[in-house]
Amino acid sequence: MFGGRWPELYSGLPVTGKPAPYPASCRPQAWAAASAGAVLTVALGLQADLPGRTLTVRPPRSMPFGELTVEGIRLGGATLRIRANRAGVVDVEGVPADVRIVHSA
């Protein structure tokens, strides 16, 4: 929506039905750009331990925002696709063969 340059402020949802950058906002804004990665990390319960060759994925058992699919997550030299359905069941594609995936506590 913002050409890869996440703004510090956006508006337009009630009027246009989609986000529009606020005219005076900085683009890109470092903390705003980093917030998307932080939200995904928390929403999917991601924790990577590459020295230990482990990827932990622990989304909530009932996804409050519905199904979530994320593509392009980098893990070392690999690119992952992670999908969590409404029940919190996770499917991870693209994980190197020597990396173990942990799904539950």
PDB file of N, CA and C in Angstrom:
ATOM      1  N   MET A   1       0.818  -1.201   0.000  1.00  0.00           N
ATOM      2  CA  MET A   1       0.000   0.000   0.000  1.00  0.00           C
ATOM      3  C   MET A   1       0.863   1.266   0.000  1.00  0.00           C
ATOM      4  N   PHE A   2       2.052   1.185   0.615  1.00  0.00           N
ATOM      5  CA  PHE A   2       2.898   2.368   0.736  1.00  0.00           C
ATOM      6  C   PHE A   2       4.216   2.218  -0.018  1.00  0.00           C
ATOM      7  N   GLY A   3       4.278   1.286  -0.952  1.00  0.00           N
ATOM      8  CA  GLY A   3       5.482   1.110  -1.756  1.00  0.00           C
ATOM      9  C   GLY A   3       6.698   0.682  -0.952  1.00  0.00           C
ATOM     10  N   GLY A   4       6.478  -0.096   0.129  1.00  0.00           N
ATOM     11  CA  GLY A   4       7.590  -0.561   0.946  1.00  0.00           C
ATOM     12  C   GLY A   4       8.167   0.506   1.850  1.00  0.00           C
ATOM     13  N   ARG A   5       7.519   1.662   1.949  1.00  0.00           N
ATOM     14  CA  ARG A   5       7.997   2.768   2.780  1.00  0.00           C
ATOM     15  C   ARG A   5       6.932   3.084   3.830  1.00  0.00           C
ATOM     16  N   TRP A   6       6.851   2.249   4.871  1.00  0.00           N
ATOM     17  CA  TRP A   6       5.818   2.352   5.897  1.00  0.00           C
ATOM     18  C   TRP A   6       5.877   3.722   6.577  1.00  0.00           C
ATOM     19  N   PRO A   7       4.788   4.513   6.533  1.00  0.00           N
ATOM     20  CA  PRO A   7       4.802   5.854   7.125  1.00  0.00           C
ATOM     21  C   PRO A   7       4.597   5.803   8.639  1.00  0.00           C
ATOM     22  N   GLU A   8       4.951   6.912   9.318  1.00  0.00           N
ATOM     23  CA  GLU A   8       4.725   6.960  10.760  1.00  0.00           C
ATOM     24  C   GLU A   8       3.247   7.147  11.071  1.00  0.00           C
ATOM     25  N   LEU A   9       2.495   7.745  10.175  1.00  0.00           N
ATOM     26  CA  LEU A   9       1.060   7.943  10.354  1.00  0.00           C
ATOM     27  C   LEU A   9       0.343   7.635   9.049  1.00  0.00           C
ATOM     28  N   TYR A  10      -0.858   7.099   9.170  1.00  0.00           N
ATOM     29  CA  TYR A  10      -1.689   6.934   7.985  1.00  0.00           C
ATOM     30  C   TYR A  10      -3.146   7.106   8.378  1.00  0.00           C
ATOM     31  N   SER A  11      -3.966   7.373   7.404  1.00  0.00           N
ATOM     32  CA  SER A  11      -5.388   7.596   7.647  1.00  0.00           C
ATOM     33  C   SER A  11      -6.147   7.144   6.411  1.00  0.00           C
ATOM     34  N   GLY A  12      -7.389   7.579   6.273  1.00  0.00           N
ATOM     35  CA  GLY A  12      -8.133   7.313   5.056  1.00  0.00           C
ATOM     36  C   GLY A  12      -9.081   6.143   5.128  1.00  0.00           C
ATOM     37  N   LEU A  13      -8.993   5.295   6.158  1.00  0.00           N
ATOM     38  CA  LEU A  13      -9.841   4.108   6.212  1.00  0.00           C
ATOM     39  C   LEU A  13     -11.341   4.437   6.127  1.00  0.00           C
ATOM     40  N   PRO A  14     -11.871   5.379   6.919  1.00  0.00           N
ATOM     41  CA  PRO A  14     -13.307   5.643   6.843  1.00  0.00           C
ATOM     42  C   PRO A  14     -13.742   6.240   5.496  1.00  0.00           C
ATOM     43  N   VAL A  15     -12.896   7.011   4.876  1.00  0.00           N
ATOM     44  CA  VAL A  15     -13.262   7.697   3.637  1.00  0.00           C
ATOM     45  C   VAL A  15     -13.007   6.840   2.400  1.00  0.00           C
ATOM     46  N   THR A  16     -11.802   6.275   2.303  1.00  0.00           N
ATOM     47  CA  THR A  16     -11.414   5.540   1.099  1.00  0.00           C
ATOM     48  C   THR A  16     -11.542   4.028   1.223  1.00  0.00           C
ATOM     49  N   GLY A  17     -11.665   3.521   2.458  1.00  0.00           N
ATOM     50  CA  GLY A  17     -11.736   2.082   2.666  1.00  0.00           C
ATOM     51  C   GLY A  17     -10.380   1.405   2.624  1.00  0.00           C
ATOM     52  N   LYS A  18      -9.314   2.169   2.483  1.00  0.00           N
ATOM     53  CA  LYS A  18      -7.954   1.631   2.498  1.00  0.00           C
ATOM     54  C   LYS A  18      -7.030   2.680   3.106  1.00  0.00           C
ATOM     55  N   PRO A  19      -5.880   2.255   3.628  1.00  0.00           N
ATOM     56  CA  PRO A  19      -4.964   3.220   4.237  1.00  0.00           C
ATOM     57  C   PRO A  19      -4.375   4.189   3.221  1.00  0.00           C
ATOM     58  N   ALA A  20      -4.195   5.404   3.647  1.00  0.00           N
ATOM     59  CA  ALA A  20      -3.537   6.434   2.833  1.00  0.00           C
ATOM     60  C   ALA A  20      -2.540   7.159   3.733  1.00  0.00           C
ATOM     61  N   PRO A  21      -1.328   7.450   3.248  1.00  0.00           N
ATOM     62  CA  PRO A  21      -0.353   8.117   4.104  1.00  0.00           C
ATOM     63  C   PRO A  21      -0.809   9.523   4.483  1.00  0.00           C
ATOM     64  N   TYR A  22      -0.577   9.879   5.721  1.00  0.00           N
ATOM     65  CA  TYR A  22      -0.852  11.230   6.202  1.00  0.00           C
ATOM     66  C   TYR A  22       0.170  12.155   5.545  1.00  0.00           C
ATOM     67  N   PRO A  23      -0.259  13.279   4.984  1.00  0.00           N
ATOM     68  CA  PRO A  23       0.662  14.114   4.188  1.00  0.00           C
ATOM     69  C   PRO A  23       1.935  14.561   4.902  1.00  0.00           C
ATOM     70  N   ALA A  24       1.873  14.860   6.203  1.00  0.00           N
ATOM     71  CA  ALA A  24       3.053  15.374   6.909  1.00  0.00           C
ATOM     72  C   ALA A  24       3.883  14.276   7.563  1.00  0.00           C
ATOM     73  N   SER A  25       3.534  13.010   7.358  1.00  0.00           N
ATOM     74  CA  SER A  25       4.266  11.935   8.035  1.00  0.00           C
ATOM     75  C   SER A  25       5.586  11.625   7.340  1.00  0.00           C
ATOM     76  N   CYS A  26       6.535  11.136   8.125  1.00  0.00           N
ATOM     77  CA  CYS A  26       7.825  10.721   7.582  1.00  0.00           C
ATOM     78  C   CYS A  26       7.677   9.348   6.940  1.00  0.00           C
ATOM     79  N   ARG A  27       8.287   9.181   5.767  1.00  0.00           N
ATOM     80  CA  ARG A  27       8.269   7.893   5.072  1.00  0.00           C
ATOM     81  C   ARG A  27       9.650   7.599   4.522  1.00  0.00           C
ATOM     82  N   PRO A  28      10.285   6.516   4.853  1.00  0.00           N
ATOM     83  CA  PRO A  28       9.859   5.567   5.880  1.00  0.00           C
ATOM     84  C   PRO A  28      10.169   6.102   7.267  1.00  0.00           C
ATOM     85  N   GLN A  29       9.481   5.590   8.238  1.00  0.00           N
ATOM     86  CA  GLN A  29       9.717   5.919   9.642  1.00  0.00           C
ATOM     87  C   GLN A  29      10.247   4.648  10.296  1.00  0.00           C
ATOM     88  N   ALA A  30      11.415   4.698  10.906  1.00  0.00           N
ATOM     89  CA  ALA A  30      12.086   3.494  11.402  1.00  0.00           C
ATOM     90  C   ALA A  30      11.230   2.707  12.392  1.00  0.00           C
ATOM     91  N   TRP A  31      10.671   3.383  13.393  1.00  0.00           N
ATOM     92  CA  TRP A  31       9.903   2.614  14.380  1.00  0.00           C
ATOM     93  C   TRP A  31       8.633   2.054  13.772  1.00  0.00           C
ATOM     94  N   ALA A  32       8.025   2.755  12.825  1.00  0.00           N
ATOM     95  CA  ALA A  32       6.810   2.250  12.183  1.00  0.00           C
ATOM     96  C   ALA A  32       7.136   1.042  11.304  1.00  0.00           C
ATOM     97  N   ALA A  33       8.248   1.105  10.594  1.00  0.00           N
ATOM     98  CA  ALA A  33       8.644  -0.009   9.740  1.00  0.00           C
ATOM     99  C   ALA A  33       8.979  -1.245  10.579  1.00  0.00           C
ATOM    100  N   ALA A  34       9.642  -1.055  11.693  1.00  0.00           N
ATOM    101  CA  ALA A  34      10.013  -2.176  12.563  1.00  0.00           C
ATOM    102  C   ALA A  34       8.801  -2.771  13.258  1.00  0.00           C
ATOM    103  N   SER A  35       7.753  -1.985  13.447  1.00  0.00           N
ATOM    104  CA  SER A  35       6.583  -2.495  14.178  1.00  0.00           C
ATOM    105  C   SER A  35       5.909  -3.649  13.446  1.00  0.00           C
ATOM    106  N   ALA A  36       5.910  -3.656  12.127  1.00  0.00           N
ATOM    107  CA  ALA A  36       5.276  -4.750  11.380  1.00  0.00           C
ATOM    108  C   ALA A  36       5.962  -6.082  11.689  1.00  0.00           C
ATOM    109  N   GLY A  37       7.280  -6.095  11.725  1.00  0.00           N
ATOM    110  CA  GLY A  37       8.015  -7.314  12.069  1.00  0.00           C
ATOM    111  C   GLY A  37       7.775  -7.742  13.505  1.00  0.00           C
ATOM    112  N   ALA A  38       7.697  -6.783  14.417  1.00  0.00           N
ATOM    113  CA  ALA A  38       7.446  -7.117  15.822  1.00  0.00           C
ATOM    114  C   ALA A  38       6.049  -7.707  16.010  1.00  0.00           C
ATOM    115  N   VAL A  39       5.063  -7.153  15.329  1.00  0.00           N
ATOM    116  CA  VAL A  39       3.693  -7.668  15.432  1.00  0.00           C
ATOM    117  C   VAL A  39       3.619  -9.097  14.890  1.00  0.00           C
ATOM    118  N   LEU A  40       4.258  -9.366  13.754  1.00  0.00           N
ATOM    119  CA  LEU A  40       4.260 -10.725  13.194  1.00  0.00           C
ATOM    120  C   LEU A  40       4.980 -11.712  14.110  1.00  0.00           C
ATOM    121  N   THR A  41       6.076 -11.278  14.709  1.00  0.00           N
ATOM    122  CA  THR A  41       6.824 -12.141  15.623  1.00  0.00           C
ATOM    123  C   THR A  41       5.944 -12.556  16.798  1.00  0.00           C
ATOM    124  N   VAL A  42       5.216 -11.606  17.371  1.00  0.00           N
ATOM    125  CA  VAL A  42       4.333 -11.904  18.498  1.00  0.00           C
ATOM    126  C   VAL A  42       3.126 -12.716  18.042  1.00  0.00           C
ATOM    127  N   ALA A  43       2.512 -12.339  16.923  1.00  0.00           N
ATOM    128  CA  ALA A  43       1.297 -13.021  16.450  1.00  0.00           C
ATOM    129  C   ALA A  43       1.552 -14.485  16.126  1.00  0.00           C
ATOM    130  N   LEU A  44       2.735 -14.801  15.614  1.00  0.00           N
ATOM    131  CA  LEU A  44       3.058 -16.189  15.269  1.00  0.00           C
ATOM    132  C   LEU A  44       3.874 -16.896  16.350  1.00  0.00           C
ATOM    133  N   GLY A  45       4.273 -16.168  17.379  1.00  0.00           N
ATOM    134  CA  GLY A  45       5.090 -16.767  18.436  1.00  0.00           C
ATOM    135  C   GLY A  45       6.423 -17.256  17.914  1.00  0.00           C
ATOM    136  N   LEU A  46       7.052 -16.470  17.038  1.00  0.00           N
ATOM    137  CA  LEU A  46       8.305 -16.884  16.391  1.00  0.00           C
ATOM    138  C   LEU A  46       9.507 -16.683  17.296  1.00  0.00           C
ATOM    139  N   GLN A  47      10.368 -17.696  17.307  1.00  0.00           N
ATOM    140  CA  GLN A  47      11.653 -17.589  17.981  1.00  0.00           C
ATOM    141  C   GLN A  47      12.635 -18.485  17.234  1.00  0.00           C
ATOM    142  N   ALA A  48      13.654 -17.876  16.670  1.00  0.00           N
ATOM    143  CA  ALA A  48      14.650 -18.632  15.910  1.00  0.00           C
ATOM    144  C   ALA A  48      15.916 -18.798  16.738  1.00  0.00           C
ATOM    145  N   ASP A  49      16.442 -20.005  16.750  1.00  0.00           N
ATOM    146  CA  ASP A  49      17.697 -20.328  17.421  1.00  0.00           C
ATOM    147  C   ASP A  49      18.550 -21.076  16.399  1.00  0.00           C
ATOM    148  N   LEU A  50      19.263 -20.330  15.570  1.00  0.00           N
ATOM    149  CA  LEU A  50      20.042 -20.975  14.514  1.00  0.00           C
ATOM    150  C   LEU A  50      21.247 -21.751  15.017  1.00  0.00           C
ATOM    151  N   PRO A  51      21.959 -21.285  16.071  1.00  0.00           N
ATOM    152  CA  PRO A  51      23.020 -22.154  16.573  1.00  0.00           C
ATOM    153  C   PRO A  51      22.459 -23.505  17.043  1.00  0.00           C
ATOM    154  N   GLY A  52      21.259 -23.492  17.619  1.00  0.00           N
ATOM    155  CA  GLY A  52      20.615 -24.716  18.065  1.00  0.00           C
ATOM    156  C   GLY A  52      19.786 -25.382  16.978  1.00  0.00           C
ATOM    157  N   ARG A  53      19.735 -24.747  15.784  1.00  0.00           N
ATOM    158  CA  ARG A  53      19.003 -25.266  14.615  1.00  0.00           C
ATOM    159  C   ARG A  53      17.531 -25.539  14.929  1.00  0.00           C
ATOM    160  N   THR A  54      16.878 -24.566  15.633  1.00  0.00           N
ATOM    161  CA  THR A  54      15.484 -24.711  16.028  1.00  0.00           C
ATOM    162  C   THR A  54      14.693 -23.458  15.660  1.00  0.00           C
ATOM    163  N   LEU A  55      13.490 -23.664  15.137  1.00  0.00           N
ATOM    164  CA  LEU A  55      12.549 -22.575  14.890  1.00  0.00           C
ATOM    165  C   LEU A  55      11.291 -22.887  15.684  1.00  0.00           C
ATOM    166  N   THR A  56      10.929 -21.998  16.602  1.00  0.00           N
ATOM    167  CA  THR A  56       9.717 -22.162  17.395  1.00  0.00           C
ATOM    168  C   THR A  56       8.627 -21.297  16.791  1.00  0.00           C
ATOM    169  N   VAL A  57       7.437 -21.892  16.602  1.00  0.00           N
ATOM    170  CA  VAL A  57       6.268 -21.181  16.079  1.00  0.00           C
ATOM    171  C   VAL A  57       5.101 -21.515  17.006  1.00  0.00           C
ATOM    172  N   ARG A  58       4.655 -20.536  17.802  1.00  0.00           N
ATOM    173  CA  ARG A  58       3.597 -20.769  18.781  1.00  0.00           C
ATOM    174  C   ARG A  58       2.546 -19.666  18.724  1.00  0.00           C
ATOM    175  N   PRO A  59       1.682 -19.675  17.705  1.00  0.00           N
ATOM    176  CA  PRO A  59       0.604 -18.682  17.681  1.00  0.00           C
ATOM    177  C   PRO A  59      -0.448 -19.032  18.730  1.00  0.00           C
ATOM    178  N   PRO A  60      -1.343 -18.102  19.041  1.00  0.00           N
ATOM    179  CA  PRO A  60      -2.424 -18.435  19.983  1.00  0.00           C
ATOM    180  C   PRO A  60      -3.246 -19.601  19.448  1.00  0.00           C
ATOM    181  N   ARG A  61      -3.800 -20.402  20.343  1.00  0.00           N
ATOM    182  CA  ARG A  61      -4.605 -21.557  19.915  1.00  0.00           C
ATOM    183  C   ARG A  61      -5.836 -21.128  19.127  1.00  0.00           C
ATOM    184  N   SER A  62      -6.367 -19.977  19.433  1.00  0.00           N
ATOM    185  CA  SER A  62      -7.487 -19.423  18.667  1.00  0.00           C
ATOM    186  C   SER A  62      -7.027 -18.072  18.139  1.00  0.00           C
ATOM    187  N   MET A  63      -6.758 -18.005  16.836  1.00  0.00           N
ATOM    188  CA  MET A  63      -6.231 -16.773  16.253  1.00  0.00           C
ATOM    189  C   MET A  63      -7.314 -15.687  16.299  1.00  0.00           C
ATOM    190  N   PRO A  64      -7.125 -14.644  17.090  1.00  0.00           N
ATOM    191  CA  PRO A  64      -8.166 -13.626  17.250  1.00  0.00           C
ATOM    192  C   PRO A  64      -8.445 -12.833  15.973  1.00  0.00           C
ATOM    193  N   PHE A  65      -7.523 -12.837  15.020  1.00  0.00           N
ATOM    194  CA  PHE A  65      -7.686 -12.056  13.791  1.00  0.00           C
ATOM    195  C   PHE A  65      -7.885 -12.942  12.573  1.00  0.00           C
ATOM    196  N   GLY A  66      -8.146 -14.231  12.773  1.00  0.00           N
ATOM    197  CA  GLY A  66      -8.380 -15.138  11.653  1.00  0.00           C
ATOM    198  C   GLY A  66      -7.088 -15.752  11.148  1.00  0.00           C
ATOM    199  N   GLU A  67      -7.160 -16.345   9.966  1.00  0.00           N
ATOM    200  CA  GLU A  67      -5.987 -16.993   9.382  1.00  0.00           C
ATOM    201  C   GLU A  67      -4.938 -15.956   8.999  1.00  0.00           C
ATOM    202  N   LEU A  68      -3.679 -16.335   9.179  1.00  0.00           N
ATOM    203  CA  LEU A  68      -2.565 -15.440   8.871  1.00  0.00           C
ATOM    204  C   LEU A  68      -1.551 -16.197   8.027  1.00  0.00           C
ATOM    205  N   THR A  69      -1.181 -15.633   6.881  1.00  0.00           N
ATOM    206  CA  THR A  69      -0.144 -16.205   6.025  1.00  0.00           C
ATOM    207  C   THR A  69       0.920 -15.137   5.799  1.00  0.00           C
ATOM    208  N   VAL A  70       2.170 -15.527   6.033  1.00  0.00           N
ATOM    209  CA  VAL A  70       3.298 -14.609   5.859  1.00  0.00           C
ATOM    210  C   VAL A  70       4.305 -15.280   4.938  1.00  0.00           C
ATOM    211  N   GLU A  71       4.727 -14.578   3.890  1.00  0.00           N
ATOM    212  CA  GLU A  71       5.725 -15.083   2.952  1.00  0.00           C
ATOM    213  C   GLU A  71       6.948 -14.189   2.979  1.00  0.00           C
ATOM    214  N   GLY A  72       8.097 -14.783   2.736  1.00  0.00           N
ATOM    215  CA  GLY A  72       9.324 -13.995   2.637  1.00  0.00           C
ATOM    216  C   GLY A  72      10.064 -13.833   3.949  1.00  0.00           C
ATOM    217  N   ILE A  73       9.704 -14.606   4.986  1.00  0.00           N
ATOM    218  CA  ILE A  73      10.430 -14.556   6.255  1.00  0.00           C
ATOM    219  C   ILE A  73      11.796 -15.204   6.035  1.00  0.00           C
ATOM    220  N   ARG A  74      12.861 -14.507   6.413  1.00  0.00           N
ATOM    221  CA  ARG A  74      14.216 -15.026   6.214  1.00  0.00           C
ATOM    222  C   ARG A  74      14.686 -15.751   7.468  1.00  0.00           C
ATOM    223  N   LEU A  75      15.253 -16.933   7.265  1.00  0.00           N
ATOM    224  CA  LEU A  75      15.854 -17.722   8.335  1.00  0.00           C
ATOM    225  C   LEU A  75      17.201 -18.181   7.807  1.00  0.00           C
ATOM    226  N   GLY A  76      18.261 -17.499   8.219  1.00  0.00           N
ATOM    227  CA  GLY A  76      19.571 -17.767   7.640  1.00  0.00           C
ATOM    228  C   GLY A  76      19.506 -17.495   6.152  1.00  0.00           C
ATOM    229  N   GLY A  77      19.856 -18.463   5.322  1.00  0.00           N
ATOM    230  CA  GLY A  77      19.798 -18.312   3.869  1.00  0.00           C
ATOM    231  C   GLY A  77      18.487 -18.768   3.263  1.00  0.00           C
ATOM    232  N   ALA A  78      17.538 -19.224   4.084  1.00  0.00           N
ATOM    233  CA  ALA A  78      16.261 -19.745   3.578  1.00  0.00           C
ATOM    234  C   ALA A  78      15.166 -18.680   3.633  1.00  0.00           C
ATOM    235  N   THR A  79      14.181 -18.834   2.757  1.00  0.00           N
ATOM    236  CA  THR A  79      13.007 -17.966   2.752  1.00  0.00           C
ATOM    237  C   THR A  79      11.792 -18.825   3.090  1.00  0.00           C
ATOM    238  N   LEU A  80      11.069 -18.443   4.123  1.00  0.00           N
ATOM    239  CA  LEU A  80       9.964 -19.239   4.640  1.00  0.00           C
ATOM    240  C   LEU A  80       8.601 -18.677   4.267  1.00  0.00           C
ATOM    241  N   ARG A  81       7.627 -19.574   4.272  1.00  0.00           N
ATOM    242  CA  ARG A  81       6.213 -19.220   4.172  1.00  0.00           C
ATOM    243  C   ARG A  81       5.558 -19.859   5.390  1.00  0.00           C
ATOM    244  N   ILE A  82       4.891 -19.042   6.221  1.00  0.00           N
ATOM    245  CA  ILE A  82       4.266 -19.539   7.439  1.00  0.00           C
ATOM    246  C   ILE A  82       2.777 -19.215   7.389  1.00  0.00           C
ATOM    247  N   ARG A  83       1.964 -20.241   7.647  1.00  0.00           N
ATOM    248  CA  ARG A  83       0.514 -20.039   7.677  1.00  0.00           C
ATOM    249  C   ARG A  83      -0.022 -20.608   8.985  1.00  0.00           C
ATOM    250  N   ALA A  84      -0.839 -19.818   9.677  1.00  0.00           N
ATOM    251  CA  ALA A  84      -1.524 -20.272  10.885  1.00  0.00           C
ATOM    252  C   ALA A  84      -3.015 -20.105  10.626  1.00  0.00           C
ATOM    253  N   ASN A  85      -3.787 -21.194  10.795  1.00  0.00           N
ATOM    254  CA  ASN A  85      -5.227 -21.090  10.560  1.00  0.00           C
ATOM    255  C   ASN A  85      -5.937 -20.565  11.807  1.00  0.00           C
ATOM    256  N   ARG A  86      -7.249 -20.429  11.750  1.00  0.00           N
ATOM    257  CA  ARG A  86      -8.026 -19.866  12.864  1.00  0.00           C
ATOM    258  C   ARG A  86      -7.850 -20.634  14.170  1.00  0.00           C
ATOM    259  N   ALA A  87      -7.577 -21.934  14.073  1.00  0.00           N
ATOM    260  CA  ALA A  87      -7.407 -22.763  15.266  1.00  0.00           C
ATOM    261  C   ALA A  87      -5.979 -22.718  15.803  1.00  0.00           C
ATOM    262  N   GLY A  88      -5.085 -21.979  15.132  1.00  0.00           N
ATOM    263  CA  GLY A  88      -3.693 -21.891  15.567  1.00  0.00           C
ATOM    264  C   GLY A  88      -2.818 -23.016  15.051  1.00  0.00           C
ATOM    265  N   VAL A  89      -3.322 -23.816  14.094  1.00  0.00           N
ATOM    266  CA  VAL A  89      -2.527 -24.880  13.486  1.00  0.00           C
ATOM    267  C   VAL A  89      -1.587 -24.240  12.464  1.00  0.00           C
ATOM    268  N   VAL A  90      -0.303 -24.591  12.554  1.00  0.00           N
ATOM    269  CA  VAL A  90       0.727 -23.921  11.764  1.00  0.00           C
ATOM    270  C   VAL A  90       1.277 -24.829  10.675  1.00  0.00           C
ATOM    271  N   ASP A  91       1.521 -24.234   9.496  1.00  0.00           N
ATOM    272  CA  ASP A  91       2.198 -24.906   8.390  1.00  0.00           C
ATOM    273  C   ASP A  91       3.372 -24.023   7.994  1.00  0.00           C
ATOM    274  N   VAL A  92       4.581 -24.591   7.977  1.00  0.00           N
ATOM    275  CA  VAL A  92       5.784 -23.836   7.628  1.00  0.00           C
ATOM    276  C   VAL A  92       6.425 -24.492   6.416  1.00  0.00           C
ATOM    277  N   GLU A  93       6.690 -23.701   5.369  1.00  0.00           N
ATOM    278  CA  GLU A  93       7.334 -24.197   4.157  1.00  0.00           C
ATOM    279  C   GLU A  93       8.677 -23.499   3.976  1.00  0.00           C
ATOM    280  N   GLY A  94       9.650 -24.217   3.422  1.00  0.00           N
ATOM    281  CA  GLY A  94      10.942 -23.636   3.087  1.00  0.00           C
ATOM    282  C   GLY A  94      11.996 -23.755   4.161  1.00  0.00           C
ATOM    283  N   VAL A  95      11.715 -24.489   5.243  1.00  0.00           N
ATOM    284  CA  VAL A  95      12.684 -24.637   6.330  1.00  0.00           C
ATOM    285  C   VAL A  95      13.783 -25.612   5.896  1.00  0.00           C
ATOM    286  N   PRO A  96      15.035 -25.246   6.102  1.00  0.00           N
ATOM    287  CA  PRO A  96      16.118 -26.169   5.766  1.00  0.00           C
ATOM    288  C   PRO A  96      15.955 -27.503   6.510  1.00  0.00           C
ATOM    289  N   ALA A  97      16.418 -28.587   5.893  1.00  0.00           N
ATOM    290  CA  ALA A  97      16.242 -29.932   6.451  1.00  0.00           C
ATOM    291  C   ALA A  97      16.886 -30.097   7.824  1.00  0.00           C
ATOM    292  N   ASP A  98      17.931 -29.340   8.113  1.00  0.00           N
ATOM    293  CA  ASP A  98      18.619 -29.509   9.404  1.00  0.00           C
ATOM    294  C   ASP A  98      18.058 -28.619  10.511  1.00  0.00           C
ATOM    295  N   VAL A  99      16.957 -27.928  10.263  1.00  0.00           N
ATOM    296  CA  VAL A  99      16.321 -27.082  11.270  1.00  0.00           C
ATOM    297  C   VAL A  99      15.061 -27.778  11.766  1.00  0.00           C
ATOM    298  N   ARG A 100      14.962 -27.922  13.102  1.00  0.00           N
ATOM    299  CA  ARG A 100      13.807 -28.558  13.731  1.00  0.00           C
ATOM    300  C   ARG A 100      12.760 -27.488  14.048  1.00  0.00           C
ATOM    301  N   ILE A 101      11.488 -27.784  13.769  1.00  0.00           N
ATOM    302  CA  ILE A 101      10.400 -26.853  14.062  1.00  0.00           C
ATOM    303  C   ILE A 101       9.703 -27.313  15.338  1.00  0.00           C
ATOM    304  N   VAL A 102       9.526 -26.396  16.273  1.00  0.00           N
ATOM    305  CA  VAL A 102       8.808 -26.652  17.517  1.00  0.00           C
ATOM    306  C   VAL A 102       7.487 -25.901  17.421  1.00  0.00           C
ATOM    307  N   HIS A 103       6.357 -26.634  17.564  1.00  0.00           N
ATOM    308  CA  HIS A 103       5.037 -26.026  17.421  1.00  0.00           C
ATOM    309  C   HIS A 103       4.340 -25.745  18.748  1.00  0.00           C
ATOM    310  N   SER A 104       4.662 -26.482  19.790  1.00  0.00           N
ATOM    311  CA  SER A 104       3.910 -26.310  21.033  1.00  0.00           C
ATOM    312  C   SER A 104       4.849 -26.251  22.222  1.00  0.00           C
ATOM    313  N   ALA A 105       4.282 -25.796  23.349  1.00  0.00           N
ATOM    314  CA  ALA A 105       5.073 -25.654  24.579  1.00  0.00           C
ATOM    315  C   ALA A 105       5.479 -26.995  25.140  1.00  0.00           C
TER     316      ALA A 105
END
